[in-house]
Amino acid sequence: MTEEVVLDGAAIEWLEDVDLINNAAQTAELARSVESTDGVYMVPAFTGLGAPHWDGRARGTIVGMTRGTRKEHIVRATLESIAYQTRDVAEPMEADAGIEMESMRVDGGAVKNNFLCQLQSDIIQTDIVRPEVDETTALGSAYAAGLAVGYWDTVDELRENWQVDREFSSQMDSAEADEKYGRWDDAVERSLDWANDEGGD
């Protein structure tokens, strides 16, 4: 089974907003400059958490910081959070469908980041497939219009247009991926139900 996911770049935009990076392209270089997050986890629940947590009162959280924490650790933790959130959704979908996922097709601006795509593969423990055209929401609109006016005759013609740019395979031991994902669950737990009527919003 192949799954398709759009990667949300809101967490990366936040890094720019708070001047931890100058542009999204910097994230891979900064994240690679450290071996790990050094125990830092970032939960980008800026407007609450969606599936599978469904908590509109959750708020963004950074946990595990020490005096040794640098911006590189926070940047890496932010990229890892995107991978964890994807696993949050992918695992229940696999369970509900009763089918093991063999690969995941990704799109969205964030997939230009090779480091993030590799993280996705490591954390989810599946192959990540990036298309040549990564902004497929806009492409889908163009395809729909083209079908409507008869530019294309069938959906099969459109499938033939989808081309692979690069594939990423997991390089992380599954036990390590599970351990890191377990700590992500701990971090999410700390972000839940934070907003309240007494100014926690």
N, C-alpha and C. Protein backbone atom coordinates (compact mmCIF):
# COMPACT_ATOMS: atom_id res chain seq x y z
N MET A 1 0.84 -1.20 0.00
CA MET A 1 0.00 0.00 0.00
C MET A 1 0.88 1.24 0.00
N THR A 2 0.53 2.23 -0.81
CA THR A 2 1.22 3.51 -0.84
C THR A 2 0.30 4.59 -0.30
N GLU A 3 0.79 5.34 0.66
CA GLU A 3 0.05 6.44 1.29
C GLU A 3 0.55 7.75 0.72
N GLU A 4 -0.31 8.77 0.67
CA GLU A 4 0.13 10.09 0.23
C GLU A 4 -0.13 11.10 1.34
N VAL A 5 0.87 11.94 1.62
CA VAL A 5 0.78 12.90 2.72
C VAL A 5 1.33 14.25 2.27
N VAL A 6 0.64 15.32 2.68
CA VAL A 6 1.13 16.68 2.44
C VAL A 6 1.80 17.15 3.72
N LEU A 7 3.06 17.55 3.62
CA LEU A 7 3.80 17.99 4.80
C LEU A 7 3.56 19.48 5.04
N ASP A 8 3.14 19.80 6.25
CA ASP A 8 2.81 21.17 6.62
C ASP A 8 4.08 21.90 7.05
N GLY A 9 4.31 23.06 6.48
CA GLY A 9 5.51 23.82 6.81
C GLY A 9 5.31 24.86 7.89
N ALA A 10 4.18 24.84 8.62
CA ALA A 10 3.92 25.87 9.64
C ALA A 10 4.99 25.90 10.72
N ALA A 11 5.47 24.74 11.11
CA ALA A 11 6.49 24.69 12.16
C ALA A 11 7.79 25.33 11.67
N ILE A 12 8.13 25.11 10.41
CA ILE A 12 9.33 25.72 9.84
C ILE A 12 9.15 27.24 9.73
N GLU A 13 7.94 27.67 9.35
CA GLU A 13 7.66 29.11 9.29
C GLU A 13 7.83 29.75 10.66
N TRP A 14 7.45 29.02 11.72
CA TRP A 14 7.61 29.56 13.07
C TRP A 14 9.08 29.80 13.38
N LEU A 15 9.96 28.89 12.94
CA LEU A 15 11.39 29.08 13.17
C LEU A 15 11.88 30.39 12.56
N GLU A 16 11.33 30.72 11.39
CA GLU A 16 11.66 32.01 10.75
C GLU A 16 11.07 33.16 11.56
N ASP A 17 9.83 33.01 12.01
CA ASP A 17 9.15 34.09 12.74
C ASP A 17 9.92 34.51 13.99
N VAL A 18 10.55 33.54 14.66
CA VAL A 18 11.28 33.85 15.90
C VAL A 18 12.78 34.00 15.66
N ASP A 19 13.15 34.13 14.38
CA ASP A 19 14.54 34.42 13.98
C ASP A 19 15.55 33.35 14.36
N LEU A 20 15.10 32.10 14.43
CA LEU A 20 16.06 31.00 14.62
C LEU A 20 16.69 30.60 13.30
N ILE A 21 15.99 30.88 12.20
CA ILE A 21 16.54 30.67 10.86
C ILE A 21 16.19 31.87 9.99
N ASN A 22 16.95 32.05 8.91
CA ASN A 22 16.66 33.12 7.97
C ASN A 22 15.73 32.65 6.87
N ASN A 23 15.82 31.36 6.54
CA ASN A 23 14.96 30.79 5.50
C ASN A 23 14.88 29.28 5.71
N ALA A 24 13.88 28.67 5.10
CA ALA A 24 13.62 27.25 5.30
C ALA A 24 14.79 26.37 4.87
N ALA A 25 15.55 26.82 3.87
CA ALA A 25 16.67 26.02 3.37
C ALA A 25 17.74 25.80 4.43
N GLN A 26 17.81 26.69 5.42
CA GLN A 26 18.80 26.58 6.49
C GLN A 26 18.56 25.41 7.43
N THR A 27 17.33 24.94 7.51
CA THR A 27 16.99 23.95 8.54
C THR A 27 17.81 22.67 8.40
N ALA A 28 18.00 22.19 7.18
CA ALA A 28 18.74 20.94 6.98
C ALA A 28 20.18 21.09 7.46
N GLU A 29 20.82 22.19 7.10
CA GLU A 29 22.21 22.42 7.50
C GLU A 29 22.35 22.51 9.02
N LEU A 30 21.46 23.25 9.65
CA LEU A 30 21.52 23.39 11.11
C LEU A 30 21.23 22.07 11.80
N ALA A 31 20.23 21.34 11.31
CA ALA A 31 19.87 20.06 11.93
C ALA A 31 21.00 19.05 11.80
N ARG A 32 21.68 19.05 10.67
CA ARG A 32 22.79 18.10 10.45
C ARG A 32 24.01 18.44 11.31
N SER A 33 24.10 19.68 11.77
CA SER A 33 25.29 20.12 12.51
C SER A 33 25.34 19.56 13.93
N VAL A 34 24.25 18.94 14.38
CA VAL A 34 24.23 18.27 15.68
C VAL A 34 23.82 16.81 15.47
N GLU A 35 24.29 15.93 16.34
CA GLU A 35 24.03 14.50 16.16
C GLU A 35 22.61 14.11 16.54
N SER A 36 21.98 14.92 17.38
CA SER A 36 20.61 14.63 17.83
C SER A 36 20.00 15.92 18.35
N THR A 37 18.79 15.83 18.87
CA THR A 37 18.17 16.99 19.49
C THR A 37 18.65 17.17 20.93
N ASP A 38 19.48 16.24 21.41
CA ASP A 38 19.97 16.25 22.79
C ASP A 38 18.80 16.21 23.78
N GLY A 39 17.78 15.43 23.41
CA GLY A 39 16.64 15.25 24.31
C GLY A 39 15.55 16.30 24.21
N VAL A 40 15.70 17.25 23.28
CA VAL A 40 14.71 18.31 23.11
C VAL A 40 13.60 17.82 22.17
N TYR A 41 12.35 18.06 22.56
CA TYR A 41 11.19 17.76 21.71
C TYR A 41 10.36 19.02 21.58
N MET A 42 9.93 19.28 20.36
CA MET A 42 9.10 20.45 20.08
C MET A 42 7.75 19.97 19.56
N VAL A 43 6.67 20.41 20.19
CA VAL A 43 5.31 20.08 19.75
C VAL A 43 4.70 21.35 19.17
N PRO A 44 4.58 21.45 17.84
CA PRO A 44 4.10 22.69 17.23
C PRO A 44 2.57 22.79 17.21
N ALA A 45 1.99 22.78 18.41
CA ALA A 45 0.53 22.85 18.52
C ALA A 45 0.09 24.31 18.62
N PHE A 46 0.42 25.09 17.60
CA PHE A 46 0.18 26.53 17.65
C PHE A 46 -1.30 26.87 17.70
N THR A 47 -2.13 26.04 17.10
CA THR A 47 -3.58 26.26 17.12
C THR A 47 -4.29 24.99 17.59
N GLY A 48 -3.64 24.26 18.48
CA GLY A 48 -4.19 23.00 18.94
C GLY A 48 -3.61 21.83 18.15
N LEU A 49 -4.07 20.63 18.48
CA LEU A 49 -3.62 19.42 17.79
C LEU A 49 -4.81 18.75 17.12
N GLY A 50 -4.59 18.34 15.87
CA GLY A 50 -5.61 17.60 15.14
C GLY A 50 -5.47 16.11 15.36
N ALA A 51 -5.77 15.33 14.32
CA ALA A 51 -5.73 13.87 14.42
C ALA A 51 -4.33 13.41 14.81
N PRO A 52 -4.23 12.41 15.67
CA PRO A 52 -5.30 11.66 16.32
C PRO A 52 -5.63 12.18 17.73
N HIS A 53 -5.07 13.36 18.10
CA HIS A 53 -5.22 13.86 19.48
C HIS A 53 -6.49 14.68 19.67
N TRP A 54 -6.88 15.43 18.66
CA TRP A 54 -8.11 16.22 18.68
C TRP A 54 -8.24 17.07 19.94
N ASP A 55 -7.26 17.94 20.14
CA ASP A 55 -7.28 18.82 21.31
C ASP A 55 -7.05 20.26 20.84
N GLY A 56 -8.13 21.03 20.72
CA GLY A 56 -8.02 22.42 20.31
C GLY A 56 -7.41 23.31 21.38
N ARG A 57 -7.28 22.79 22.61
CA ARG A 57 -6.70 23.56 23.70
C ARG A 57 -5.22 23.27 23.90
N ALA A 58 -4.66 22.35 23.12
CA ALA A 58 -3.22 22.10 23.18
C ALA A 58 -2.48 23.33 22.67
N ARG A 59 -1.26 23.54 23.16
CA ARG A 59 -0.47 24.67 22.70
C ARG A 59 0.98 24.23 22.46
N GLY A 60 1.68 25.01 21.64
CA GLY A 60 3.06 24.71 21.30
C GLY A 60 3.92 24.58 22.54
N THR A 61 4.80 23.57 22.49
CA THR A 61 5.59 23.23 23.67
C THR A 61 6.99 22.80 23.25
N ILE A 62 7.99 23.25 23.99
CA ILE A 62 9.35 22.73 23.82
C ILE A 62 9.76 22.16 25.17
N VAL A 63 10.12 20.89 25.19
CA VAL A 63 10.51 20.24 26.45
C VAL A 63 11.91 19.65 26.30
N GLY A 64 12.56 19.44 27.44
CA GLY A 64 13.86 18.77 27.45
C GLY A 64 15.04 19.70 27.31
N MET A 65 14.82 21.02 27.38
CA MET A 65 15.94 21.95 27.21
C MET A 65 16.83 22.00 28.46
N THR A 66 18.12 22.21 28.22
CA THR A 66 19.10 22.41 29.29
C THR A 66 19.92 23.66 28.95
N ARG A 67 20.89 23.98 29.78
CA ARG A 67 21.78 25.11 29.47
C ARG A 67 22.58 24.85 28.21
N GLY A 68 22.72 23.58 27.84
CA GLY A 68 23.49 23.24 26.65
C GLY A 68 22.68 23.26 25.36
N THR A 69 21.39 23.52 25.47
CA THR A 69 20.53 23.54 24.28
C THR A 69 20.86 24.74 23.41
N ARG A 70 21.06 24.47 22.12
CA ARG A 70 21.34 25.54 21.16
C ARG A 70 20.23 25.56 20.11
N LYS A 71 20.25 26.60 19.29
CA LYS A 71 19.20 26.71 18.28
C LYS A 71 19.22 25.53 17.33
N GLU A 72 20.39 24.95 17.10
CA GLU A 72 20.48 23.78 16.22
C GLU A 72 19.64 22.62 16.75
N HIS A 73 19.62 22.44 18.07
CA HIS A 73 18.82 21.38 18.67
C HIS A 73 17.32 21.66 18.48
N ILE A 74 16.93 22.92 18.63
CA ILE A 74 15.52 23.28 18.48
C ILE A 74 15.09 23.13 17.02
N VAL A 75 15.96 23.53 16.10
CA VAL A 75 15.65 23.36 14.67
C VAL A 75 15.48 21.89 14.34
N ARG A 76 16.40 21.07 14.82
CA ARG A 76 16.30 19.63 14.54
C ARG A 76 15.04 19.05 15.18
N ALA A 77 14.74 19.46 16.41
CA ALA A 77 13.53 18.98 17.08
C ALA A 77 12.27 19.39 16.32
N THR A 78 12.30 20.56 15.70
CA THR A 78 11.15 21.03 14.92
C THR A 78 10.96 20.15 13.69
N LEU A 79 12.04 19.83 12.99
CA LEU A 79 11.94 18.93 11.84
C LEU A 79 11.46 17.55 12.27
N GLU A 80 12.00 17.06 13.39
CA GLU A 80 11.56 15.75 13.87
C GLU A 80 10.07 15.76 14.21
N SER A 81 9.57 16.89 14.70
CA SER A 81 8.15 16.96 15.07
C SER A 81 7.25 16.71 13.87
N ILE A 82 7.69 17.16 12.69
CA ILE A 82 6.90 16.94 11.48
C ILE A 82 6.84 15.45 11.18
N ALA A 83 7.96 14.76 11.35
CA ALA A 83 7.99 13.31 11.12
C ALA A 83 7.11 12.58 12.13
N TYR A 84 7.16 13.00 13.39
CA TYR A 84 6.34 12.35 14.43
C TYR A 84 4.85 12.56 14.14
N GLN A 85 4.49 13.77 13.72
CA GLN A 85 3.08 14.04 13.44
C GLN A 85 2.58 13.21 12.26
N THR A 86 3.45 12.98 11.30
CA THR A 86 3.06 12.12 10.18
C THR A 86 2.83 10.70 10.66
N ARG A 87 3.72 10.22 11.54
CA ARG A 87 3.53 8.87 12.10
C ARG A 87 2.26 8.80 12.94
N ASP A 88 1.94 9.90 13.64
CA ASP A 88 0.70 9.96 14.42
C ASP A 88 -0.52 9.61 13.57
N VAL A 89 -0.50 10.06 12.33
CA VAL A 89 -1.64 9.85 11.43
C VAL A 89 -1.50 8.54 10.66
N ALA A 90 -0.28 8.22 10.25
CA ALA A 90 -0.06 7.03 9.40
C ALA A 90 -0.38 5.73 10.13
N GLU A 91 0.03 5.61 11.39
CA GLU A 91 -0.18 4.35 12.11
C GLU A 91 -1.65 3.99 12.29
N PRO A 92 -2.50 4.94 12.72
CA PRO A 92 -3.93 4.60 12.82
C PRO A 92 -4.56 4.27 11.47
N MET A 93 -4.10 4.96 10.42
CA MET A 93 -4.64 4.67 9.09
C MET A 93 -4.29 3.25 8.67
N GLU A 94 -3.06 2.84 8.94
CA GLU A 94 -2.65 1.47 8.64
C GLU A 94 -3.51 0.47 9.40
N ALA A 95 -3.69 0.76 10.70
CA ALA A 95 -4.47 -0.15 11.55
C ALA A 95 -5.91 -0.25 11.08
N ASP A 96 -6.51 0.90 10.75
CA ASP A 96 -7.91 0.91 10.29
C ASP A 96 -8.07 0.18 8.97
N ALA A 97 -7.09 0.35 8.08
CA ALA A 97 -7.18 -0.27 6.76
C ALA A 97 -6.79 -1.74 6.79
N GLY A 98 -6.04 -2.13 7.82
CA GLY A 98 -5.58 -3.51 7.92
C GLY A 98 -4.56 -3.86 6.86
N ILE A 99 -3.84 -2.84 6.39
CA ILE A 99 -2.85 -3.03 5.33
C ILE A 99 -1.54 -2.41 5.77
N GLU A 100 -0.44 -3.11 5.54
CA GLU A 100 0.87 -2.56 5.89
C GLU A 100 1.35 -1.62 4.79
N MET A 101 1.77 -0.43 5.19
CA MET A 101 2.22 0.56 4.23
C MET A 101 3.63 0.22 3.75
N GLU A 102 3.82 0.16 2.45
CA GLU A 102 5.13 -0.14 1.88
C GLU A 102 5.91 1.12 1.55
N SER A 103 5.20 2.19 1.20
CA SER A 103 5.85 3.45 0.90
C SER A 103 4.86 4.58 1.12
N MET A 104 5.41 5.80 1.25
CA MET A 104 4.58 6.98 1.44
C MET A 104 5.00 8.05 0.45
N ARG A 105 4.05 8.52 -0.34
CA ARG A 105 4.30 9.64 -1.24
C ARG A 105 4.06 10.93 -0.48
N VAL A 106 4.99 11.85 -0.60
CA VAL A 106 4.87 13.11 0.14
C VAL A 106 4.89 14.28 -0.83
N ASP A 107 4.23 15.36 -0.44
CA ASP A 107 4.33 16.59 -1.23
C ASP A 107 4.17 17.78 -0.30
N GLY A 108 4.21 18.97 -0.88
CA GLY A 108 4.22 20.19 -0.08
C GLY A 108 5.62 20.78 -0.10
N GLY A 109 5.72 22.06 0.19
CA GLY A 109 7.01 22.76 0.13
C GLY A 109 8.08 22.16 1.02
N ALA A 110 7.69 21.59 2.15
CA ALA A 110 8.67 21.07 3.11
C ALA A 110 9.45 19.87 2.56
N VAL A 111 8.91 19.19 1.55
CA VAL A 111 9.59 17.98 1.06
C VAL A 111 10.83 18.30 0.23
N LYS A 112 11.08 19.56 -0.05
CA LYS A 112 12.33 19.93 -0.71
C LYS A 112 13.52 19.63 0.19
N ASN A 113 13.26 19.50 1.49
CA ASN A 113 14.28 19.29 2.50
C ASN A 113 14.63 17.79 2.57
N ASN A 114 15.81 17.43 2.05
CA ASN A 114 16.23 16.03 2.05
C ASN A 114 16.38 15.47 3.46
N PHE A 115 16.86 16.31 4.37
CA PHE A 115 17.03 15.86 5.75
C PHE A 115 15.69 15.47 6.35
N LEU A 116 14.66 16.28 6.10
CA LEU A 116 13.33 15.99 6.62
C LEU A 116 12.76 14.71 5.99
N CYS A 117 12.94 14.54 4.70
CA CYS A 117 12.44 13.33 4.05
C CYS A 117 13.10 12.08 4.63
N GLN A 118 14.41 12.16 4.90
CA GLN A 118 15.09 11.02 5.51
C GLN A 118 14.58 10.77 6.92
N LEU A 119 14.35 11.85 7.67
CA LEU A 119 13.77 11.72 9.02
C LEU A 119 12.42 11.01 8.96
N GLN A 120 11.59 11.40 8.00
CA GLN A 120 10.28 10.78 7.83
C GLN A 120 10.44 9.28 7.65
N SER A 121 11.35 8.90 6.76
CA SER A 121 11.57 7.48 6.50
C SER A 121 12.04 6.76 7.75
N ASP A 122 12.95 7.37 8.50
CA ASP A 122 13.48 6.75 9.71
C ASP A 122 12.41 6.59 10.79
N ILE A 123 11.66 7.64 11.04
CA ILE A 123 10.68 7.62 12.13
C ILE A 123 9.48 6.73 11.80
N ILE A 124 9.04 6.77 10.54
CA ILE A 124 7.87 5.99 10.15
C ILE A 124 8.24 4.57 9.75
N GLN A 125 9.56 4.36 9.48
CA GLN A 125 10.05 3.04 9.10
C GLN A 125 9.43 2.55 7.79
N THR A 126 9.37 3.45 6.83
CA THR A 126 8.88 3.09 5.51
C THR A 126 9.58 3.96 4.47
N ASP A 127 9.50 3.56 3.21
CA ASP A 127 10.11 4.35 2.15
C ASP A 127 9.31 5.63 1.92
N ILE A 128 10.02 6.72 1.69
CA ILE A 128 9.41 8.01 1.38
C ILE A 128 9.69 8.30 -0.09
N VAL A 129 8.64 8.62 -0.84
CA VAL A 129 8.77 8.88 -2.28
C VAL A 129 8.37 10.32 -2.55
N ARG A 130 9.34 11.08 -3.08
CA ARG A 130 9.10 12.49 -3.38
C ARG A 130 8.91 12.67 -4.90
N PRO A 131 7.85 13.36 -5.31
CA PRO A 131 7.62 13.56 -6.76
C PRO A 131 8.46 14.71 -7.31
N GLU A 132 8.60 14.74 -8.62
CA GLU A 132 9.30 15.86 -9.26
C GLU A 132 8.55 17.17 -9.03
N VAL A 133 7.22 17.12 -9.07
CA VAL A 133 6.41 18.31 -8.78
C VAL A 133 5.88 18.15 -7.37
N ASP A 134 6.38 18.99 -6.43
CA ASP A 134 6.04 18.78 -5.02
C ASP A 134 4.83 19.59 -4.56
N GLU A 135 4.35 20.51 -5.37
CA GLU A 135 3.16 21.29 -4.99
C GLU A 135 1.94 20.70 -5.71
N THR A 136 1.50 19.55 -5.28
CA THR A 136 0.47 18.82 -6.01
C THR A 136 -0.95 19.31 -5.74
N THR A 137 -1.14 20.16 -4.74
CA THR A 137 -2.48 20.74 -4.55
C THR A 137 -2.83 21.61 -5.75
N ALA A 138 -1.90 22.49 -6.12
CA ALA A 138 -2.12 23.35 -7.29
C ALA A 138 -2.19 22.50 -8.56
N LEU A 139 -1.33 21.49 -8.63
CA LEU A 139 -1.33 20.62 -9.81
C LEU A 139 -2.66 19.89 -9.94
N GLY A 140 -3.22 19.46 -8.82
CA GLY A 140 -4.51 18.78 -8.84
C GLY A 140 -5.61 19.66 -9.39
N SER A 141 -5.58 20.94 -9.04
CA SER A 141 -6.57 21.88 -9.58
C SER A 141 -6.43 22.02 -11.09
N ALA A 142 -5.19 22.08 -11.54
CA ALA A 142 -4.95 22.18 -12.99
C ALA A 142 -5.42 20.92 -13.70
N TYR A 143 -5.17 19.76 -13.10
CA TYR A 143 -5.62 18.50 -13.68
C TYR A 143 -7.14 18.45 -13.78
N ALA A 144 -7.82 18.88 -12.71
CA ALA A 144 -9.29 18.86 -12.71
C ALA A 144 -9.84 19.76 -13.82
N ALA A 145 -9.24 20.93 -13.96
CA ALA A 145 -9.67 21.85 -15.02
C ALA A 145 -9.41 21.25 -16.40
N GLY A 146 -8.23 20.62 -16.54
CA GLY A 146 -7.88 20.01 -17.82
C GLY A 146 -8.81 18.88 -18.20
N LEU A 147 -9.21 18.08 -17.21
CA LEU A 147 -10.19 17.01 -17.46
C LEU A 147 -11.54 17.59 -17.86
N ALA A 148 -11.92 18.68 -17.19
CA ALA A 148 -13.23 19.28 -17.44
C ALA A 148 -13.36 19.82 -18.86
N VAL A 149 -12.26 20.36 -19.39
CA VAL A 149 -12.33 20.95 -20.74
C VAL A 149 -11.86 19.98 -21.83
N GLY A 150 -11.51 18.76 -21.43
CA GLY A 150 -11.13 17.74 -22.42
C GLY A 150 -9.68 17.75 -22.83
N TYR A 151 -8.84 18.49 -22.08
CA TYR A 151 -7.40 18.49 -22.40
C TYR A 151 -6.82 17.10 -22.18
N TRP A 152 -7.27 16.46 -21.10
CA TRP A 152 -6.96 15.04 -20.86
C TRP A 152 -8.26 14.26 -20.94
N ASP A 153 -8.16 13.06 -21.45
CA ASP A 153 -9.37 12.24 -21.61
C ASP A 153 -9.65 11.37 -20.40
N THR A 154 -8.60 10.87 -19.74
CA THR A 154 -8.80 9.93 -18.63
C THR A 154 -7.87 10.25 -17.47
N VAL A 155 -8.25 9.75 -16.30
CA VAL A 155 -7.41 9.90 -15.11
C VAL A 155 -6.11 9.13 -15.27
N ASP A 156 -6.14 8.03 -16.03
CA ASP A 156 -4.92 7.25 -16.27
C ASP A 156 -3.82 8.08 -16.92
N GLU A 157 -4.20 9.01 -17.79
CA GLU A 157 -3.22 9.91 -18.42
C GLU A 157 -2.51 10.75 -17.36
N LEU A 158 -3.27 11.17 -16.35
CA LEU A 158 -2.70 11.99 -15.28
C LEU A 158 -1.74 11.17 -14.43
N ARG A 159 -2.09 9.92 -14.17
CA ARG A 159 -1.21 9.06 -13.36
C ARG A 159 0.16 8.91 -14.03
N GLU A 160 0.15 8.88 -15.35
CA GLU A 160 1.41 8.73 -16.08
C GLU A 160 2.29 9.98 -15.94
N ASN A 161 1.69 11.12 -15.60
CA ASN A 161 2.46 12.35 -15.42
C ASN A 161 3.22 12.38 -14.10
N TRP A 162 2.79 11.56 -13.13
CA TRP A 162 3.42 11.57 -11.80
C TRP A 162 4.79 10.89 -11.90
N GLN A 163 5.84 11.66 -11.63
CA GLN A 163 7.21 11.14 -11.76
C GLN A 163 7.94 11.25 -10.43
N VAL A 164 8.72 10.22 -10.11
CA VAL A 164 9.50 10.21 -8.88
C VAL A 164 10.76 11.06 -9.04
N ASP A 165 10.99 11.94 -8.06
CA ASP A 165 12.24 12.70 -8.01
C ASP A 165 13.29 11.92 -7.22
N ARG A 166 12.89 11.42 -6.02
CA ARG A 166 13.85 10.70 -5.17
C ARG A 166 13.10 9.84 -4.17
N GLU A 167 13.70 8.72 -3.80
CA GLU A 167 13.16 7.84 -2.77
C GLU A 167 14.13 7.80 -1.59
N PHE A 168 13.57 7.74 -0.39
CA PHE A 168 14.36 7.67 0.84
C PHE A 168 13.97 6.40 1.59
N SER A 169 14.97 5.64 2.04
CA SER A 169 14.73 4.40 2.79
C SER A 169 15.25 4.57 4.21
N SER A 170 14.58 3.93 5.16
CA SER A 170 14.95 4.06 6.57
C SER A 170 16.37 3.57 6.83
N GLN A 171 17.11 4.37 7.59
CA GLN A 171 18.47 4.01 8.00
C GLN A 171 18.55 3.85 9.52
N MET A 172 17.39 3.96 10.19
CA MET A 172 17.36 3.90 11.66
C MET A 172 16.80 2.56 12.11
N ASP A 173 17.39 2.02 13.15
CA ASP A 173 16.89 0.79 13.75
C ASP A 173 15.47 1.02 14.26
N SER A 174 14.59 0.05 14.06
CA SER A 174 13.18 0.23 14.43
C SER A 174 13.01 0.46 15.93
N ALA A 175 13.85 -0.18 16.75
CA ALA A 175 13.75 0.01 18.20
C ALA A 175 14.07 1.45 18.58
N GLU A 176 15.06 2.03 17.92
CA GLU A 176 15.42 3.43 18.19
C GLU A 176 14.29 4.36 17.75
N ALA A 177 13.71 4.07 16.58
CA ALA A 177 12.59 4.89 16.09
C ALA A 177 11.42 4.82 17.05
N ASP A 178 11.11 3.64 17.56
CA ASP A 178 10.01 3.47 18.50
C ASP A 178 10.27 4.20 19.81
N GLU A 179 11.53 4.16 20.28
CA GLU A 179 11.88 4.84 21.53
C GLU A 179 11.72 6.36 21.38
N LYS A 180 12.20 6.90 20.27
CA LYS A 180 12.08 8.34 20.02
C LYS A 180 10.60 8.73 19.90
N TYR A 181 9.84 7.89 19.23
CA TYR A 181 8.42 8.18 19.06
C TYR A 181 7.68 8.11 20.40
N GLY A 182 8.10 7.21 21.27
CA GLY A 182 7.52 7.13 22.61
C GLY A 182 7.75 8.41 23.41
N ARG A 183 8.94 8.97 23.28
CA ARG A 183 9.23 10.23 23.97
C ARG A 183 8.42 11.38 23.36
N TRP A 184 8.17 11.31 22.05
CA TRP A 184 7.29 12.30 21.41
C TRP A 184 5.91 12.26 22.07
N ASP A 185 5.39 11.06 22.32
CA ASP A 185 4.09 10.94 23.00
C ASP A 185 4.12 11.63 24.36
N ASP A 186 5.25 11.49 25.08
CA ASP A 186 5.39 12.15 26.38
C ASP A 186 5.33 13.67 26.22
N ALA A 187 6.00 14.18 25.18
CA ALA A 187 6.01 15.63 24.94
C ALA A 187 4.62 16.12 24.57
N VAL A 188 3.92 15.37 23.74
CA VAL A 188 2.55 15.75 23.35
C VAL A 188 1.66 15.81 24.58
N GLU A 189 1.82 14.86 25.47
CA GLU A 189 1.01 14.82 26.69
C GLU A 189 1.14 16.13 27.48
N ARG A 190 2.33 16.71 27.47
CA ARG A 190 2.56 17.95 28.21
C ARG A 190 1.94 19.17 27.52
N SER A 191 1.64 19.05 26.24
CA SER A 191 1.06 20.18 25.51
C SER A 191 -0.46 20.22 25.58
N LEU A 192 -1.07 19.11 25.99
CA LEU A 192 -2.53 18.97 25.91
C LEU A 192 -3.25 19.86 26.93
N ASP A 193 -4.42 20.36 26.53
CA ASP A 193 -5.33 21.10 27.42
C ASP A 193 -4.65 22.28 28.12
N TRP A 194 -3.74 22.94 27.42
CA TRP A 194 -3.00 24.04 28.04
C TRP A 194 -3.81 25.33 28.06
N ALA A 195 -4.48 25.65 26.97
CA ALA A 195 -5.26 26.89 26.91
C ALA A 195 -6.44 26.80 27.85
N ASN A 196 -6.71 27.90 28.54
CA ASN A 196 -7.85 27.92 29.46
C ASN A 196 -8.44 29.31 29.50
N ASP A 197 -9.49 29.47 30.27
CA ASP A 197 -10.20 30.75 30.32
C ASP A 197 -9.52 31.77 31.21
N GLU A 198 -8.39 31.39 31.83
CA GLU A 198 -7.72 32.31 32.75
C GLU A 198 -6.44 32.88 32.14
N GLY A 199 -6.41 32.98 30.82
CA GLY A 199 -5.26 33.62 30.19
C GLY A 199 -4.25 32.66 29.63
N GLY A 200 -4.54 31.35 29.62
CA GLY A 200 -3.61 30.39 29.06
C GLY A 200 -3.64 30.36 27.55
N ASP A 201 -4.52 31.16 26.95
CA ASP A 201 -4.68 31.16 25.49
C ASP A 201 -3.63 32.01 24.81
